[in-house]
Structure formats: C-alpha cells, structure tokens
Amino acid sequence: MKLSVKSDYAARAVLGLARQFASGQPRRAEDLAAESHIPVNYLVQILIELKAQQIVKSVRGKEGGYQLAKPPAEITLGHILRAVHGEIFDTPALTDANCPAELREAWRELKESITAAALAANFQQLAEESAAKEKMYYI
C-alpha cells in the first residue's frame, strides 16, 4: 500500500493549521506552504478540497487565509485521507466473488485495522506531540 504525496501534503497542512488553531488567526497559504515544504500552487488545490469537505475554512481580507473549520481534536488522519482519496483503504478483492473467502476476510481485517488507526490519530494529539518536541532541550 502506498499513499500519495497529496495525502502527506494535506496532513502537513492540517497539522500546520492545528498548531495555529488556539490563536484564532488564519494562516496565509504562502506561509503554510513554506513552513510545510509544499509547493504553494499545489497546497491551494489541496486546501480547496479540504474546504469542500469542511475540514478547513477560508477567511477573506487582508488578514485572511485558512483555518481549521473545527477543533483539531475532531479531525483525524482518517478524515484527511478520505477527503483527498475517498476511502482510507480499498481493494477490489473485497467485492470480487472469485477471491477466496479466507483471503477476502484477511483483506477486510486489514482494512478495518488501517481505518481504526487512521481514525484514532487526531490533529490535537499530533500538534501537542509537535509542541512537546519543540520544548525539549537537547544536551
């Protein structure tokens, strides 16, 4: 299983917005792109998709930009993957009558495990882990 760069970039963008959420200030796409190492034009396309899924919202005006549409604790990695790909994990074997039943069951279990893990990782936790690492002192 290989996820696209788009899913990584979308997760980076949401993490960047999650870090800023408490301030209530929107982030400019250019600033978010630079911080997250994402080409700005590609990031804008991703933000538009995330906005359509009500994960982010845009704020107009001179001080405008993008913000999370809901608290980061309510947004999971699974939500991001679904927003940019549809299903978190999918295989045609799940609906293929020619696939042996025991193999189909193994695929179903894998899908459930991956989906559960993706839905368990919320952006509040990820932002807090990131903040804790920034506070660490290295000797």
Protein backbone atom coordinates (compact mmCIF):
# COMPACT_ATOMS: atom_id res chain seq x y z
CA MET A 1 0.00 0.00 0.00
CA LYS A 2 1.39 3.36 -0.99
CA LEU A 3 -0.19 6.69 -0.16
CA SER A 4 0.20 9.66 -2.45
CA VAL A 5 2.23 12.80 -1.85
CA LYS A 6 -1.11 14.60 -1.85
CA SER A 7 -2.20 12.80 1.33
CA ASP A 8 1.10 13.68 3.02
CA TYR A 9 0.82 17.32 1.98
CA ALA A 10 -2.79 17.52 3.14
CA ALA A 11 -1.83 16.10 6.55
CA ARG A 12 1.11 18.54 6.82
CA ALA A 13 -1.19 21.46 6.03
CA VAL A 14 -3.79 20.41 8.60
CA LEU A 15 -1.07 19.91 11.22
CA GLY A 16 0.22 23.42 10.50
CA LEU A 17 -3.29 24.81 10.91
CA ALA A 18 -3.81 22.74 14.08
CA ARG A 19 -0.72 24.32 15.63
CA GLN A 20 -2.22 27.76 14.97
CA PHE A 21 -5.80 26.88 15.97
CA ALA A 22 -5.70 28.25 19.54
CA SER A 23 -4.65 31.69 18.32
CA GLY A 24 -7.76 32.01 16.17
CA GLN A 25 -5.65 33.60 13.44
CA PRO A 26 -5.85 32.38 9.85
CA ARG A 27 -2.70 31.30 8.01
CA ARG A 28 -1.79 32.53 4.56
CA ALA A 29 -1.35 29.71 2.06
CA GLU A 30 2.11 31.04 1.19
CA ASP A 31 3.27 30.90 4.81
CA LEU A 32 1.79 27.46 5.37
CA ALA A 33 3.39 26.19 2.16
CA ALA A 34 6.83 27.50 3.13
CA GLU A 35 6.61 26.07 6.65
CA SER A 36 5.37 22.68 5.42
CA HIS A 37 7.68 22.46 2.38
CA ILE A 38 4.77 22.20 -0.06
CA PRO A 39 4.55 23.94 -3.45
CA VAL A 40 2.08 26.79 -2.86
CA ASN A 41 0.00 26.15 -6.00
CA TYR A 42 -0.45 22.51 -5.06
CA LEU A 43 -1.27 23.44 -1.47
CA VAL A 44 -4.02 25.81 -2.61
CA GLN A 45 -5.62 22.97 -4.60
CA ILE A 46 -5.47 20.72 -1.54
CA LEU A 47 -6.91 23.42 0.72
CA ILE A 48 -9.82 23.84 -1.70
CA GLU A 49 -10.54 20.10 -1.44
CA LEU A 50 -10.28 20.22 2.36
CA LYS A 51 -12.61 23.23 2.37
CA ALA A 52 -15.17 21.30 0.30
CA GLN A 53 -15.06 18.58 2.97
CA GLN A 54 -15.49 21.22 5.73
CA ILE A 55 -12.13 20.45 7.29
CA VAL A 56 -10.76 23.94 6.66
CA LYS A 57 -12.37 27.27 6.00
CA SER A 58 -11.08 30.37 4.28
CA VAL A 59 -11.09 33.88 5.70
CA ARG A 60 -11.20 36.76 3.25
CA GLY A 61 -9.43 40.04 3.52
CA LYS A 62 -6.01 41.49 4.15
CA GLU A 63 -5.51 39.42 7.29
CA GLY A 64 -7.23 36.40 5.74
CA GLY A 65 -6.07 32.92 4.97
CA TYR A 66 -7.07 29.43 6.07
CA GLN A 67 -8.15 27.98 9.42
CA LEU A 68 -9.47 24.67 10.61
CA ALA A 69 -13.26 24.56 10.36
CA LYS A 70 -13.49 22.63 13.66
CA PRO A 71 -11.23 21.90 16.61
CA PRO A 72 -8.18 19.76 15.80
CA ALA A 73 -9.36 17.09 18.26
CA GLU A 74 -12.31 16.49 15.92
CA ILE A 75 -10.14 16.00 12.82
CA THR A 76 -8.35 12.70 12.29
CA LEU A 77 -5.81 11.45 9.83
CA GLY A 78 -8.63 9.28 8.51
CA HIS A 79 -10.71 12.36 7.71
CA ILE A 80 -7.82 13.78 5.70
CA LEU A 81 -7.26 10.56 3.77
CA ARG A 82 -10.96 10.31 2.96
CA ALA A 83 -11.03 13.95 1.86
CA VAL A 84 -8.24 13.51 -0.67
CA HIS A 85 -8.71 9.85 -1.69
CA GLY A 86 -12.23 8.73 -0.84
CA GLU A 87 -11.57 5.50 1.06
CA ILE A 88 -8.76 5.11 3.55
CA PHE A 89 -8.01 1.61 2.27
CA ASP A 90 -9.72 -0.17 -0.58
CA THR A 91 -9.12 -3.28 -2.62
CA PRO A 92 -11.27 -4.81 -5.36
CA ALA A 93 -10.80 -8.19 -3.65
CA LEU A 94 -13.40 -7.22 -1.05
CA THR A 95 -16.18 -7.44 -3.63
CA ASP A 96 -14.63 -9.99 -6.01
CA ALA A 97 -16.61 -13.23 -5.86
CA ASN A 98 -13.59 -15.06 -7.34
CA CYS A 99 -11.37 -14.07 -4.43
CA PRO A 100 -11.21 -16.90 -1.88
CA ALA A 101 -13.36 -16.16 1.18
CA GLU A 102 -10.46 -16.52 3.64
CA LEU A 103 -8.37 -14.05 1.65
CA ARG A 104 -11.31 -11.64 1.41
CA GLU A 105 -11.65 -11.88 5.20
CA ALA A 106 -7.95 -11.08 5.63
CA TRP A 107 -8.36 -8.02 3.38
CA ARG A 108 -11.41 -6.93 5.38
CA GLU A 109 -9.50 -7.23 8.66
CA LEU A 110 -6.60 -5.24 7.22
CA LYS A 111 -8.99 -2.54 6.04
CA GLU A 112 -10.62 -2.34 9.49
CA SER A 113 -7.23 -2.12 11.24
CA ILE A 114 -5.93 0.61 8.97
CA THR A 115 -9.18 2.56 9.19
CA ALA A 116 -9.24 2.31 13.00
CA ALA A 117 -5.63 3.51 13.27
CA ALA A 118 -6.24 6.42 10.89
CA LEU A 119 -9.37 7.49 12.76
CA ALA A 120 -7.59 7.25 16.13
CA ALA A 121 -4.87 9.76 15.22
CA ASN A 122 -6.35 13.23 15.74
CA PHE A 123 -4.62 16.50 14.99
CA GLN A 124 -4.87 17.80 18.56
CA GLN A 125 -2.66 14.94 19.70
CA LEU A 126 -0.28 15.42 16.79
CA ALA A 127 0.01 19.16 17.43
CA GLU A 128 0.65 18.55 21.14
CA GLU A 129 3.36 16.00 20.33
CA SER A 130 4.94 18.52 17.99
CA ALA A 131 4.84 21.27 20.64
CA ALA A 132 6.35 18.95 23.25
CA LYS A 133 9.24 18.13 20.93
CA GLU A 134 9.90 21.83 20.35
CA LYS A 135 10.12 22.40 24.13
CA MET A 136 12.67 19.63 24.65
CA TYR A 137 16.21 20.69 25.37
CA TYR A 138 18.98 18.70 23.82
CA ILE A 139 22.36 18.43 25.53
